[in-house]
Amino acid sequence: MSAFFMYVLAGIAKLILIFLPQTLANVISIYAFNKKKINDKNFWIAIIVSLSAIFCIRLLPISFGIPTVLCMVVLILFGVYLLKFSIYKTTLGVLFIFVVSALLELVTFKVITLIFGKGSLIDILDNGFTNALAGFPSSILLFVLALVAYSFITRHVESSGESKPI
């Protein structure tokens, strides 16, 4: 297969296996920390716009945490301007999900290192498709944790989206 085809395949795999679950988790956590019920229209607009922006940021030829910081800023801006949420609560939601994501990825790659060895981890991370497969478990777990947090935090929210007194 051509190198270009493999590059495109790896990009699609990352989009579906890593970026989509992480974006869902990010937006769900923003809703959770703002104690708002998910509004279908705004939620899906936020997902599509955030996913597009994050995917484009990740394609930039920059590294060393800069794409992560840019993604956090974009998510905070979307939460505040698109969803009309509090900047403080939105920032907390984004920071929370990024810290949890980093911890889950750390555990995932530690397990891979223990099973396959350090040399294999480097090989896995160098290949876009295997990198996406390796990151999939932590992305799904992040999504599940965001859903649990959302359910826990918003269990006292009325259908209007406003918090009820506990």
Protein backbone atom coordinates (compact mmCIF):
# COMPACT_ATOMS: atom_id res chain seq x y z
CA MET A 1 0.00 0.00 0.00
CA SER A 2 1.13 3.54 -0.62
CA ALA A 3 2.44 5.69 2.20
CA PHE A 4 -0.24 8.29 1.51
CA PHE A 5 -3.03 5.71 1.88
CA MET A 6 -1.56 4.50 5.18
CA TYR A 7 -1.29 8.11 6.40
CA VAL A 8 -4.95 8.75 5.55
CA LEU A 9 -6.00 5.46 7.15
CA ALA A 10 -4.09 6.35 10.33
CA GLY A 11 -5.75 9.78 10.39
CA ILE A 12 -9.22 8.26 10.06
CA ALA A 13 -8.40 5.73 12.77
CA LYS A 14 -7.24 8.48 15.13
CA LEU A 15 -10.33 10.54 14.34
CA ILE A 16 -12.72 7.69 15.13
CA LEU A 17 -10.84 5.84 17.87
CA ILE A 18 -9.27 8.71 19.81
CA PHE A 19 -10.54 12.18 18.88
CA LEU A 20 -14.27 11.37 18.76
CA PRO A 21 -14.51 9.70 22.20
CA GLN A 22 -12.25 12.35 23.72
CA THR A 23 -14.28 15.18 22.19
CA LEU A 24 -17.50 13.61 23.45
CA ALA A 25 -15.93 13.33 26.91
CA ASN A 26 -14.75 16.95 26.78
CA VAL A 27 -18.14 18.37 25.82
CA ILE A 28 -19.99 16.12 28.30
CA SER A 29 -17.67 17.28 31.09
CA ILE A 30 -18.30 20.92 30.15
CA TYR A 31 -22.04 20.27 30.47
CA ALA A 32 -21.49 18.40 33.75
CA PHE A 33 -19.40 21.08 35.40
CA ASN A 34 -21.93 23.72 34.36
CA LYS A 35 -24.73 21.49 35.72
CA LYS A 36 -26.69 21.71 32.48
CA LYS A 37 -28.79 19.09 30.78
CA ILE A 38 -27.56 18.16 27.34
CA ASN A 39 -29.47 20.03 24.65
CA ASP A 40 -29.38 17.89 21.49
CA LYS A 41 -28.89 20.69 18.95
CA ASN A 42 -26.21 22.64 20.84
CA PHE A 43 -24.50 19.46 22.01
CA TRP A 44 -24.05 18.06 18.51
CA ILE A 45 -23.00 21.43 17.11
CA ALA A 46 -20.39 21.66 19.87
CA ILE A 47 -19.21 18.11 19.12
CA ILE A 48 -18.87 18.72 15.37
CA VAL A 49 -17.17 22.10 15.72
CA SER A 50 -14.88 20.91 18.53
CA LEU A 51 -13.96 17.70 16.73
CA SER A 52 -13.16 19.60 13.54
CA ALA A 53 -11.05 22.16 15.40
CA ILE A 54 -9.20 19.53 17.46
CA PHE A 55 -8.52 17.39 14.40
CA CYS A 56 -7.11 20.41 12.54
CA ILE A 57 -4.98 21.43 15.54
CA ARG A 58 -3.58 17.90 15.81
CA LEU A 59 -2.56 18.04 12.12
CA LEU A 60 -0.35 21.09 12.74
CA PRO A 61 3.39 20.38 12.68
CA ILE A 62 3.87 21.37 16.34
CA SER A 63 4.48 19.30 19.44
CA PHE A 64 5.55 19.37 23.09
CA GLY A 65 2.08 19.98 24.51
CA ILE A 66 1.22 23.00 22.41
CA PRO A 67 -1.62 21.21 20.55
CA THR A 68 -3.08 20.13 23.90
CA VAL A 69 -3.07 23.70 25.21
CA LEU A 70 -4.61 24.97 21.96
CA CYS A 71 -7.32 22.28 22.19
CA MET A 72 -8.08 23.31 25.77
CA VAL A 73 -8.40 26.96 24.76
CA VAL A 74 -10.68 26.06 21.84
CA LEU A 75 -12.91 23.93 24.09
CA ILE A 76 -13.14 26.69 26.70
CA LEU A 77 -14.02 29.25 24.02
CA PHE A 78 -16.69 26.94 22.58
CA GLY A 79 -18.12 26.33 26.04
CA VAL A 80 -18.30 30.03 26.81
CA TYR A 81 -19.32 31.50 23.44
CA LEU A 82 -21.17 28.67 21.68
CA LEU A 83 -22.85 27.04 24.66
CA LYS A 84 -23.08 30.26 26.74
CA PHE A 85 -21.66 28.62 29.88
CA SER A 86 -19.66 30.12 32.74
CA ILE A 87 -15.97 30.56 31.93
CA TYR A 88 -14.97 29.34 35.40
CA LYS A 89 -17.03 26.14 35.32
CA THR A 90 -16.16 25.47 31.70
CA THR A 91 -12.45 25.84 32.45
CA LEU A 92 -12.80 23.45 35.41
CA GLY A 93 -14.56 20.89 33.20
CA VAL A 94 -11.88 21.11 30.51
CA LEU A 95 -9.01 20.93 33.02
CA PHE A 96 -10.63 17.99 34.79
CA ILE A 97 -11.08 15.96 31.62
CA PHE A 98 -7.56 16.71 30.36
CA VAL A 99 -6.00 15.65 33.68
CA VAL A 100 -8.05 12.44 33.71
CA SER A 101 -7.13 11.85 30.06
CA ALA A 102 -3.42 12.28 30.78
CA LEU A 103 -3.63 9.85 33.71
CA LEU A 104 -5.50 7.26 31.64
CA GLU A 105 -3.00 7.54 28.79
CA LEU A 106 -0.13 7.20 31.26
CA VAL A 107 -1.63 4.00 32.64
CA THR A 108 -2.36 2.66 29.14
CA PHE A 109 1.16 3.22 27.88
CA LYS A 110 2.66 1.86 31.10
CA VAL A 111 0.67 -1.36 30.61
CA ILE A 112 1.78 -1.55 26.97
CA THR A 113 5.40 -1.08 28.09
CA LEU A 114 5.06 -3.81 30.70
CA ILE A 115 3.52 -6.23 28.20
CA PHE A 116 5.57 -5.52 25.08
CA GLY A 117 8.65 -3.65 26.31
CA LYS A 118 9.92 -0.13 25.76
CA GLY A 119 11.14 -0.77 22.20
CA SER A 120 7.72 -2.02 21.16
CA LEU A 121 6.04 1.03 22.71
CA ILE A 122 8.19 3.30 20.56
CA ASP A 123 7.28 1.26 17.48
CA ILE A 124 3.58 1.44 18.40
CA LEU A 125 3.70 5.21 18.89
CA ASP A 126 5.60 5.76 15.64
CA ASN A 127 2.88 4.06 13.59
CA GLY A 128 -0.27 6.20 13.38
CA PHE A 129 -2.66 3.26 13.10
CA THR A 130 -1.25 1.23 16.00
CA ASN A 131 -0.99 4.45 18.00
CA ALA A 132 -4.73 4.96 17.48
CA LEU A 133 -5.45 1.37 18.50
CA ALA A 134 -3.28 1.73 21.61
CA GLY A 135 -5.03 4.97 22.61
CA PHE A 136 -8.53 3.60 22.06
CA PRO A 137 -8.98 1.94 25.50
CA SER A 138 -8.09 5.11 27.38
CA SER A 139 -10.36 7.19 25.12
CA ILE A 140 -13.33 4.89 25.70
CA LEU A 141 -12.66 4.80 29.44
CA LEU A 142 -12.45 8.61 29.45
CA PHE A 143 -15.81 8.78 27.67
CA VAL A 144 -17.39 6.38 30.18
CA LEU A 145 -15.95 8.33 33.13
CA ALA A 146 -17.31 11.58 31.66
CA LEU A 147 -20.77 9.99 31.35
CA VAL A 148 -20.60 8.79 34.96
CA ALA A 149 -19.48 12.23 36.15
CA TYR A 150 -22.24 13.87 34.11
CA SER A 151 -24.86 11.52 35.58
CA PHE A 152 -23.59 12.09 39.10
CA ILE A 153 -23.24 15.87 38.86
CA THR A 154 -26.48 16.57 36.99
CA ARG A 155 -28.79 14.18 38.83
CA HIS A 156 -30.38 17.17 40.61
CA VAL A 157 -30.91 19.27 37.50
CA GLU A 158 -34.44 20.00 36.30
CA SER A 159 -35.43 19.51 32.68
CA SER A 160 -35.13 23.28 32.16
CA GLY A 161 -31.39 22.90 32.70
CA GLU A 162 -31.31 24.76 36.01
CA SER A 163 -29.99 23.24 39.23
CA LYS A 164 -32.52 22.22 41.86
CA PRO A 165 -31.72 22.71 45.51
CA ILE A 166 -30.45 19.50 47.06
